[in-house]
N, C-alpha and C. Protein backbone atom coordinates (compact mmCIF):
# COMPACT_ATOMS: atom_id res chain seq x y z
N UNK A 1 -23.05 37.42 -75.07
CA UNK A 1 -23.44 37.00 -73.74
C UNK A 1 -24.96 36.86 -73.69
N UNK A 2 -25.44 35.74 -73.18
CA UNK A 2 -26.87 35.50 -73.04
C UNK A 2 -27.34 36.10 -71.72
N UNK A 3 -28.47 36.82 -71.79
CA UNK A 3 -29.03 37.48 -70.62
C UNK A 3 -30.41 36.92 -70.30
N UNK A 4 -30.73 36.91 -69.02
CA UNK A 4 -32.04 36.46 -68.56
C UNK A 4 -32.51 37.44 -67.49
N UNK A 5 -33.81 37.68 -67.46
CA UNK A 5 -34.33 38.66 -66.51
C UNK A 5 -34.34 38.10 -65.08
N UNK A 6 -34.22 39.00 -64.15
CA UNK A 6 -34.27 38.61 -62.74
C UNK A 6 -35.58 37.93 -62.42
N UNK A 7 -36.68 38.41 -62.98
CA UNK A 7 -37.99 37.79 -62.72
C UNK A 7 -38.02 36.34 -63.19
N UNK A 8 -37.46 36.07 -64.36
CA UNK A 8 -37.42 34.69 -64.86
C UNK A 8 -36.52 33.83 -63.97
N UNK A 9 -35.40 34.39 -63.54
CA UNK A 9 -34.50 33.66 -62.65
C UNK A 9 -35.22 33.27 -61.36
N UNK A 10 -35.96 34.20 -60.81
CA UNK A 10 -36.71 33.92 -59.58
C UNK A 10 -37.73 32.81 -59.82
N UNK A 11 -38.42 32.87 -60.97
CA UNK A 11 -39.45 31.88 -61.27
C UNK A 11 -38.89 30.48 -61.45
N UNK A 12 -37.70 30.35 -62.01
CA UNK A 12 -37.18 29.02 -62.31
C UNK A 12 -36.02 28.61 -61.41
N UNK A 13 -35.91 29.28 -60.28
CA UNK A 13 -34.93 28.87 -59.27
C UNK A 13 -35.68 28.64 -57.97
N UNK A 14 -34.99 28.12 -57.00
CA UNK A 14 -35.62 27.88 -55.69
C UNK A 14 -35.35 29.02 -54.73
N UNK A 15 -34.89 30.14 -55.23
CA UNK A 15 -34.53 31.27 -54.38
C UNK A 15 -35.54 32.41 -54.53
N UNK A 16 -35.73 33.12 -53.46
CA UNK A 16 -36.69 34.23 -53.44
C UNK A 16 -36.10 35.49 -54.07
N UNK A 17 -36.96 36.46 -54.32
CA UNK A 17 -36.52 37.76 -54.83
C UNK A 17 -35.52 38.38 -53.86
N UNK A 18 -35.81 38.29 -52.58
CA UNK A 18 -34.92 38.86 -51.56
C UNK A 18 -33.53 38.22 -51.64
N UNK A 19 -33.48 36.91 -51.76
CA UNK A 19 -32.19 36.21 -51.86
C UNK A 19 -31.42 36.67 -53.09
N UNK A 20 -32.12 36.80 -54.23
CA UNK A 20 -31.43 37.23 -55.44
C UNK A 20 -30.96 38.67 -55.33
N UNK A 21 -31.75 39.54 -54.70
CA UNK A 21 -31.33 40.93 -54.51
C UNK A 21 -30.06 40.98 -53.64
N UNK A 22 -30.02 40.13 -52.61
CA UNK A 22 -28.83 40.08 -51.75
C UNK A 22 -27.62 39.59 -52.54
N UNK A 23 -27.83 38.56 -53.35
CA UNK A 23 -26.71 38.04 -54.16
C UNK A 23 -26.18 39.11 -55.11
N UNK A 24 -27.09 39.86 -55.71
CA UNK A 24 -26.68 40.90 -56.65
C UNK A 24 -25.94 42.02 -55.91
N UNK A 25 -26.42 42.39 -54.73
CA UNK A 25 -25.74 43.46 -53.99
C UNK A 25 -24.36 43.02 -53.51
N UNK A 26 -24.20 41.73 -53.20
CA UNK A 26 -22.91 41.22 -52.76
C UNK A 26 -21.97 40.92 -53.94
N UNK A 27 -22.55 40.66 -55.11
CA UNK A 27 -21.77 40.35 -56.31
C UNK A 27 -22.31 41.19 -57.47
N UNK A 28 -21.95 42.46 -57.53
CA UNK A 28 -22.49 43.34 -58.57
C UNK A 28 -22.25 42.85 -60.00
N UNK A 29 -21.26 41.99 -60.19
CA UNK A 29 -20.99 41.49 -61.54
C UNK A 29 -22.11 40.58 -62.05
N UNK A 30 -22.99 40.10 -61.15
CA UNK A 30 -24.13 39.29 -61.58
C UNK A 30 -25.06 40.09 -62.48
N UNK A 31 -25.27 41.36 -62.13
CA UNK A 31 -26.17 42.21 -62.90
C UNK A 31 -25.44 42.76 -64.10
N UNK A 32 -26.00 42.51 -65.27
CA UNK A 32 -25.39 43.01 -66.49
C UNK A 32 -25.91 44.39 -66.85
N UNK A 33 -27.24 44.54 -66.81
CA UNK A 33 -27.84 45.79 -67.25
C UNK A 33 -29.33 45.76 -66.98
N UNK A 34 -30.00 46.81 -67.38
CA UNK A 34 -31.46 46.82 -67.44
C UNK A 34 -31.82 46.81 -68.91
N UNK A 35 -32.88 46.09 -69.25
CA UNK A 35 -33.29 46.07 -70.66
C UNK A 35 -34.21 47.25 -70.97
N UNK A 36 -34.72 47.31 -72.18
CA UNK A 36 -35.56 48.43 -72.60
C UNK A 36 -36.87 48.52 -71.82
N UNK A 37 -37.26 47.42 -71.17
CA UNK A 37 -38.47 47.41 -70.36
C UNK A 37 -38.17 47.76 -68.90
N UNK A 38 -36.90 48.01 -68.60
CA UNK A 38 -36.50 48.34 -67.24
C UNK A 38 -36.26 47.13 -66.35
N UNK A 39 -36.26 45.94 -66.95
CA UNK A 39 -36.04 44.72 -66.17
C UNK A 39 -34.56 44.55 -65.86
N UNK A 40 -34.26 44.06 -64.68
CA UNK A 40 -32.89 43.73 -64.31
C UNK A 40 -32.50 42.47 -65.07
N UNK A 41 -31.41 42.55 -65.81
CA UNK A 41 -30.94 41.43 -66.60
C UNK A 41 -29.65 40.88 -66.00
N UNK A 42 -29.57 39.56 -65.97
CA UNK A 42 -28.42 38.88 -65.40
C UNK A 42 -27.74 38.03 -66.47
N UNK A 43 -26.46 37.86 -66.33
CA UNK A 43 -25.73 36.98 -67.23
C UNK A 43 -26.16 35.55 -66.94
N UNK A 44 -26.60 34.87 -67.98
CA UNK A 44 -27.06 33.48 -67.80
C UNK A 44 -25.95 32.61 -67.25
N UNK A 45 -24.73 32.83 -67.71
CA UNK A 45 -23.60 32.03 -67.22
C UNK A 45 -23.40 32.19 -65.71
N UNK A 46 -23.66 33.38 -65.19
CA UNK A 46 -23.41 33.62 -63.78
C UNK A 46 -24.48 33.05 -62.86
N UNK A 47 -25.65 32.72 -63.41
CA UNK A 47 -26.74 32.23 -62.57
C UNK A 47 -27.18 30.81 -62.92
N UNK A 48 -26.61 30.23 -63.97
CA UNK A 48 -27.10 28.95 -64.48
C UNK A 48 -27.05 27.81 -63.46
N UNK A 49 -26.10 27.85 -62.53
CA UNK A 49 -26.02 26.78 -61.52
C UNK A 49 -27.21 26.77 -60.58
N UNK A 50 -27.94 27.87 -60.50
CA UNK A 50 -29.07 27.99 -59.58
C UNK A 50 -30.41 27.72 -60.25
N UNK A 51 -30.41 27.55 -61.56
CA UNK A 51 -31.66 27.44 -62.30
C UNK A 51 -32.06 26.00 -62.55
N UNK A 52 -33.36 25.77 -62.54
CA UNK A 52 -33.86 24.44 -62.90
C UNK A 52 -34.35 24.51 -64.35
N UNK A 53 -33.38 24.57 -65.26
CA UNK A 53 -33.70 24.64 -66.68
C UNK A 53 -34.01 23.22 -67.16
N UNK A 54 -35.10 23.09 -67.88
CA UNK A 54 -35.49 21.75 -68.35
C UNK A 54 -34.38 21.08 -69.15
N UNK A 55 -34.21 19.77 -68.94
CA UNK A 55 -33.14 19.05 -69.63
C UNK A 55 -33.46 18.76 -71.09
N UNK A 56 -34.70 19.00 -71.52
CA UNK A 56 -35.08 18.71 -72.90
C UNK A 56 -34.21 19.49 -73.87
N UNK A 57 -33.97 18.92 -75.04
CA UNK A 57 -33.23 19.67 -76.06
C UNK A 57 -33.98 20.97 -76.37
N UNK A 58 -33.25 22.04 -76.39
CA UNK A 58 -33.86 23.33 -76.68
C UNK A 58 -34.50 24.00 -75.48
N UNK A 59 -34.37 23.40 -74.30
CA UNK A 59 -34.97 23.97 -73.09
C UNK A 59 -34.46 25.36 -72.78
N UNK A 60 -33.17 25.54 -72.87
CA UNK A 60 -32.57 26.85 -72.60
C UNK A 60 -33.03 27.88 -73.62
N UNK A 61 -33.04 27.50 -74.89
CA UNK A 61 -33.48 28.42 -75.94
C UNK A 61 -34.94 28.80 -75.74
N UNK A 62 -35.77 27.83 -75.34
CA UNK A 62 -37.18 28.10 -75.09
C UNK A 62 -37.34 29.12 -73.96
N UNK A 63 -36.57 28.95 -72.88
CA UNK A 63 -36.66 29.87 -71.75
C UNK A 63 -36.22 31.27 -72.16
N UNK A 64 -35.15 31.37 -72.92
CA UNK A 64 -34.68 32.69 -73.35
C UNK A 64 -35.69 33.35 -74.29
N UNK A 65 -36.31 32.57 -75.16
CA UNK A 65 -37.32 33.10 -76.07
C UNK A 65 -38.55 33.55 -75.27
N UNK A 66 -38.95 32.76 -74.29
CA UNK A 66 -40.08 33.12 -73.44
C UNK A 66 -39.77 34.39 -72.66
N UNK A 67 -38.56 34.47 -72.16
CA UNK A 67 -38.17 35.65 -71.37
C UNK A 67 -38.12 36.91 -72.23
N UNK A 68 -37.90 36.74 -73.53
CA UNK A 68 -37.88 37.90 -74.42
C UNK A 68 -39.27 38.42 -74.73
N UNK A 69 -40.31 37.64 -74.34
CA UNK A 69 -41.69 38.13 -74.51
C UNK A 69 -42.52 37.38 -75.52
N UNK A 70 -42.03 36.30 -76.09
CA UNK A 70 -42.79 35.53 -77.07
C UNK A 70 -43.88 34.74 -76.34
N UNK A 71 -45.15 35.07 -76.60
CA UNK A 71 -46.27 34.45 -75.88
C UNK A 71 -46.37 32.95 -76.12
N UNK A 72 -46.12 32.50 -77.35
CA UNK A 72 -46.15 31.05 -77.62
C UNK A 72 -45.07 30.33 -76.83
N UNK A 73 -43.88 30.91 -76.79
CA UNK A 73 -42.78 30.31 -76.03
C UNK A 73 -43.10 30.33 -74.53
N UNK A 74 -43.73 31.38 -74.06
CA UNK A 74 -44.12 31.45 -72.64
C UNK A 74 -45.11 30.34 -72.32
N UNK A 75 -46.10 30.14 -73.19
CA UNK A 75 -47.06 29.07 -72.97
C UNK A 75 -46.37 27.71 -72.98
N UNK A 76 -45.48 27.51 -73.95
CA UNK A 76 -44.74 26.24 -74.03
C UNK A 76 -43.85 26.04 -72.82
N UNK A 77 -43.22 27.10 -72.33
CA UNK A 77 -42.39 26.99 -71.13
C UNK A 77 -43.26 26.59 -69.94
N UNK A 78 -44.46 27.16 -69.86
CA UNK A 78 -45.39 26.76 -68.81
C UNK A 78 -45.71 25.28 -68.87
N UNK A 79 -45.98 24.79 -70.07
CA UNK A 79 -46.27 23.36 -70.23
C UNK A 79 -45.08 22.50 -69.83
N UNK A 80 -43.90 22.94 -70.23
CA UNK A 80 -42.69 22.20 -69.91
C UNK A 80 -42.47 22.11 -68.40
N UNK A 81 -42.60 23.25 -67.72
CA UNK A 81 -42.40 23.24 -66.26
C UNK A 81 -43.53 22.49 -65.55
N UNK A 82 -44.73 22.55 -66.08
CA UNK A 82 -45.84 21.80 -65.50
C UNK A 82 -45.54 20.31 -65.56
N UNK A 83 -45.04 19.85 -66.72
CA UNK A 83 -44.68 18.44 -66.87
C UNK A 83 -43.56 18.04 -65.93
N UNK A 84 -42.70 19.00 -65.57
CA UNK A 84 -41.60 18.73 -64.64
C UNK A 84 -42.03 18.91 -63.18
N UNK A 85 -43.33 19.14 -62.98
CA UNK A 85 -43.93 19.31 -61.65
C UNK A 85 -43.43 20.56 -60.93
N UNK A 86 -43.07 21.59 -61.70
CA UNK A 86 -42.70 22.87 -61.12
C UNK A 86 -43.85 23.83 -61.41
N UNK A 87 -44.89 23.75 -60.56
CA UNK A 87 -46.12 24.52 -60.79
C UNK A 87 -45.88 26.02 -60.66
N UNK A 88 -44.98 26.43 -59.80
CA UNK A 88 -44.68 27.85 -59.63
C UNK A 88 -44.13 28.45 -60.92
N UNK A 89 -43.19 27.76 -61.54
CA UNK A 89 -42.62 28.25 -62.80
C UNK A 89 -43.65 28.18 -63.92
N UNK A 90 -44.44 27.12 -63.96
CA UNK A 90 -45.49 27.01 -64.98
C UNK A 90 -46.45 28.18 -64.86
N UNK A 91 -46.87 28.48 -63.65
CA UNK A 91 -47.80 29.60 -63.42
C UNK A 91 -47.18 30.91 -63.90
N UNK A 92 -45.92 31.14 -63.58
CA UNK A 92 -45.23 32.36 -63.99
C UNK A 92 -45.30 32.56 -65.51
N UNK A 93 -44.98 31.51 -66.25
CA UNK A 93 -44.95 31.62 -67.71
C UNK A 93 -46.35 31.76 -68.28
N UNK A 94 -47.32 31.03 -67.73
CA UNK A 94 -48.69 31.16 -68.24
C UNK A 94 -49.26 32.53 -67.94
N UNK A 95 -48.93 33.09 -66.80
CA UNK A 95 -49.40 34.44 -66.48
C UNK A 95 -48.82 35.45 -67.49
N UNK A 96 -47.55 35.30 -67.83
CA UNK A 96 -46.93 36.20 -68.80
C UNK A 96 -47.59 36.06 -70.17
N UNK A 97 -47.89 34.84 -70.59
CA UNK A 97 -48.54 34.63 -71.89
C UNK A 97 -49.99 35.11 -71.86
N UNK A 98 -50.68 34.86 -70.75
CA UNK A 98 -52.08 35.30 -70.63
C UNK A 98 -52.19 36.81 -70.67
N UNK A 99 -51.20 37.49 -70.14
CA UNK A 99 -51.20 38.96 -70.17
C UNK A 99 -51.15 39.47 -71.61
N UNK A 100 -50.71 38.60 -72.53
CA UNK A 100 -50.68 38.94 -73.96
C UNK A 100 -51.86 38.32 -74.70
N UNK A 101 -52.88 37.90 -73.94
CA UNK A 101 -54.11 37.32 -74.50
C UNK A 101 -53.90 36.00 -75.22
N UNK A 102 -52.95 35.22 -74.79
CA UNK A 102 -52.74 33.88 -75.35
C UNK A 102 -53.84 32.99 -74.79
N UNK A 103 -54.71 32.49 -75.67
CA UNK A 103 -55.91 31.75 -75.23
C UNK A 103 -55.59 30.49 -74.43
N UNK A 104 -54.64 29.70 -74.91
CA UNK A 104 -54.30 28.48 -74.17
C UNK A 104 -53.77 28.81 -72.78
N UNK A 105 -52.93 29.83 -72.70
CA UNK A 105 -52.36 30.22 -71.40
C UNK A 105 -53.45 30.73 -70.47
N UNK A 106 -54.41 31.50 -71.00
CA UNK A 106 -55.50 31.98 -70.16
C UNK A 106 -56.30 30.81 -69.60
N UNK A 107 -56.56 29.83 -70.44
CA UNK A 107 -57.29 28.65 -69.98
C UNK A 107 -56.51 27.89 -68.92
N UNK A 108 -55.24 27.66 -69.17
CA UNK A 108 -54.40 26.94 -68.21
C UNK A 108 -54.26 27.72 -66.90
N UNK A 109 -54.16 29.02 -67.01
CA UNK A 109 -54.08 29.87 -65.82
C UNK A 109 -55.36 29.73 -65.00
N UNK A 110 -56.50 29.70 -65.68
CA UNK A 110 -57.77 29.48 -65.00
C UNK A 110 -57.78 28.15 -64.26
N UNK A 111 -57.24 27.13 -64.89
CA UNK A 111 -57.16 25.81 -64.25
C UNK A 111 -56.27 25.86 -63.01
N UNK A 112 -55.17 26.61 -63.12
CA UNK A 112 -54.26 26.75 -61.98
C UNK A 112 -54.97 27.39 -60.79
N UNK A 113 -55.66 28.48 -61.05
CA UNK A 113 -56.38 29.15 -59.97
C UNK A 113 -57.49 28.26 -59.41
N UNK A 114 -58.22 27.61 -60.26
CA UNK A 114 -59.34 26.78 -59.80
C UNK A 114 -58.86 25.63 -58.92
N UNK A 115 -57.71 25.05 -59.26
CA UNK A 115 -57.19 23.89 -58.53
C UNK A 115 -56.11 24.24 -57.51
N UNK A 116 -55.67 25.49 -57.49
CA UNK A 116 -54.60 25.87 -56.56
C UNK A 116 -53.25 25.29 -56.94
N UNK A 117 -52.94 25.29 -58.22
CA UNK A 117 -51.65 24.76 -58.69
C UNK A 117 -50.69 25.92 -58.94
N UNK A 118 -49.68 26.04 -58.08
CA UNK A 118 -48.68 27.10 -58.24
C UNK A 118 -49.12 28.44 -57.69
N UNK A 119 -50.34 28.49 -57.18
CA UNK A 119 -50.94 29.72 -56.67
C UNK A 119 -52.06 29.30 -55.70
N UNK A 120 -52.35 30.12 -54.69
CA UNK A 120 -53.48 29.75 -53.82
C UNK A 120 -54.78 29.63 -54.63
N UNK A 121 -55.57 28.63 -54.31
CA UNK A 121 -56.82 28.40 -55.04
C UNK A 121 -57.76 29.59 -54.91
N UNK A 122 -58.33 29.99 -56.02
CA UNK A 122 -59.34 31.04 -56.06
C UNK A 122 -60.23 30.74 -57.25
N UNK A 123 -61.35 30.09 -56.99
CA UNK A 123 -62.24 29.66 -58.06
C UNK A 123 -62.79 30.83 -58.86
N UNK A 124 -63.03 31.96 -58.22
CA UNK A 124 -63.55 33.12 -58.94
C UNK A 124 -62.55 33.63 -59.99
N UNK A 125 -61.29 33.73 -59.58
CA UNK A 125 -60.27 34.17 -60.54
C UNK A 125 -60.08 33.10 -61.62
N UNK A 126 -60.16 31.84 -61.22
CA UNK A 126 -60.07 30.76 -62.19
C UNK A 126 -61.16 30.85 -63.25
N UNK A 127 -62.38 31.08 -62.81
CA UNK A 127 -63.50 31.21 -63.75
C UNK A 127 -63.30 32.44 -64.64
N UNK A 128 -62.79 33.52 -64.06
CA UNK A 128 -62.55 34.73 -64.85
C UNK A 128 -61.58 34.44 -66.01
N UNK A 129 -60.47 33.74 -65.72
CA UNK A 129 -59.49 33.43 -66.76
C UNK A 129 -60.07 32.47 -67.79
N UNK A 130 -60.83 31.50 -67.34
CA UNK A 130 -61.45 30.56 -68.29
C UNK A 130 -62.45 31.31 -69.17
N UNK A 131 -63.20 32.24 -68.59
CA UNK A 131 -64.14 33.04 -69.37
C UNK A 131 -63.40 33.92 -70.39
N UNK A 132 -62.26 34.46 -70.00
CA UNK A 132 -61.46 35.26 -70.95
C UNK A 132 -60.98 34.39 -72.11
N UNK A 133 -60.55 33.17 -71.79
CA UNK A 133 -60.12 32.25 -72.84
C UNK A 133 -61.30 31.92 -73.76
N UNK A 134 -62.47 31.70 -73.16
CA UNK A 134 -63.67 31.41 -73.95
C UNK A 134 -64.03 32.59 -74.85
N UNK A 135 -63.94 33.79 -74.30
CA UNK A 135 -64.24 34.99 -75.09
C UNK A 135 -63.29 35.12 -76.27
N UNK A 136 -62.08 34.58 -76.12
CA UNK A 136 -61.10 34.60 -77.21
C UNK A 136 -61.27 33.44 -78.18
N UNK A 137 -62.24 32.55 -77.92
CA UNK A 137 -62.51 31.45 -78.83
C UNK A 137 -61.89 30.12 -78.45
N UNK A 138 -61.34 29.98 -77.26
CA UNK A 138 -60.75 28.71 -76.83
C UNK A 138 -61.86 27.68 -76.68
N UNK A 139 -61.82 26.60 -77.44
CA UNK A 139 -62.93 25.65 -77.52
C UNK A 139 -63.25 24.96 -76.20
N UNK A 140 -62.24 24.51 -75.50
CA UNK A 140 -62.48 23.83 -74.22
C UNK A 140 -63.07 24.81 -73.22
N UNK A 141 -62.53 26.00 -73.17
CA UNK A 141 -63.05 27.02 -72.26
C UNK A 141 -64.50 27.37 -72.60
N UNK A 142 -64.82 27.42 -73.88
CA UNK A 142 -66.21 27.68 -74.29
C UNK A 142 -67.15 26.62 -73.74
N UNK A 143 -66.75 25.37 -73.84
CA UNK A 143 -67.58 24.28 -73.31
C UNK A 143 -67.70 24.37 -71.78
N UNK A 144 -66.61 24.72 -71.12
CA UNK A 144 -66.66 24.85 -69.67
C UNK A 144 -67.60 25.97 -69.25
N UNK A 145 -67.57 27.09 -69.96
CA UNK A 145 -68.47 28.20 -69.65
C UNK A 145 -69.92 27.80 -69.91
N UNK A 146 -70.15 27.07 -71.00
CA UNK A 146 -71.52 26.57 -71.27
C UNK A 146 -72.00 25.70 -70.13
N UNK A 147 -71.10 24.86 -69.62
CA UNK A 147 -71.46 23.98 -68.50
C UNK A 147 -71.80 24.80 -67.26
N UNK A 148 -71.10 25.87 -67.02
CA UNK A 148 -71.39 26.72 -65.85
C UNK A 148 -72.75 27.40 -65.99
N UNK A 149 -73.11 27.75 -67.21
CA UNK A 149 -74.38 28.44 -67.44
C UNK A 149 -75.57 27.56 -67.06
N UNK A 150 -75.41 26.26 -67.16
CA UNK A 150 -76.50 25.35 -66.77
C UNK A 150 -76.84 25.47 -65.30
N UNK A 151 -75.85 25.84 -64.50
CA UNK A 151 -76.07 25.92 -63.06
C UNK A 151 -76.49 27.32 -62.62
N UNK A 152 -76.34 28.30 -63.49
CA UNK A 152 -76.70 29.69 -63.15
C UNK A 152 -78.22 29.85 -63.25
N UNK A 153 -78.76 30.48 -62.27
CA UNK A 153 -80.21 30.73 -62.26
C UNK A 153 -80.46 32.19 -62.05
């Protein structure tokens, strides 16, 4: 049986955490278990009708790999959802990858904050994430930080 975390389900569905909690309380069979990280895990079969899983070949496998904690897969899932114009889901996956110091995800997360894509705009937090990506050696972020230094006095 394939399992997916409640947090991932919330990110890639149009339903809120509250709605999913209500569904689980009304249908206890939706919840399979808690994983080793304490996350609520749901049977993928029981929730698949509610998910906006990318139609690309391997989309489901990518989401499951990302949900298992693979930072590269999380970054790729973010790119996939961004291309599908689901900024909320893209932000979710990039935040997960950035938490693992994935440079590309940190840079993209900074762009999200700076432009207000999938999250309320906050230029300060955006610059912070871009600076973290630059500190990790991300080339584009390095150039962006250099550009900011020209304006600092």
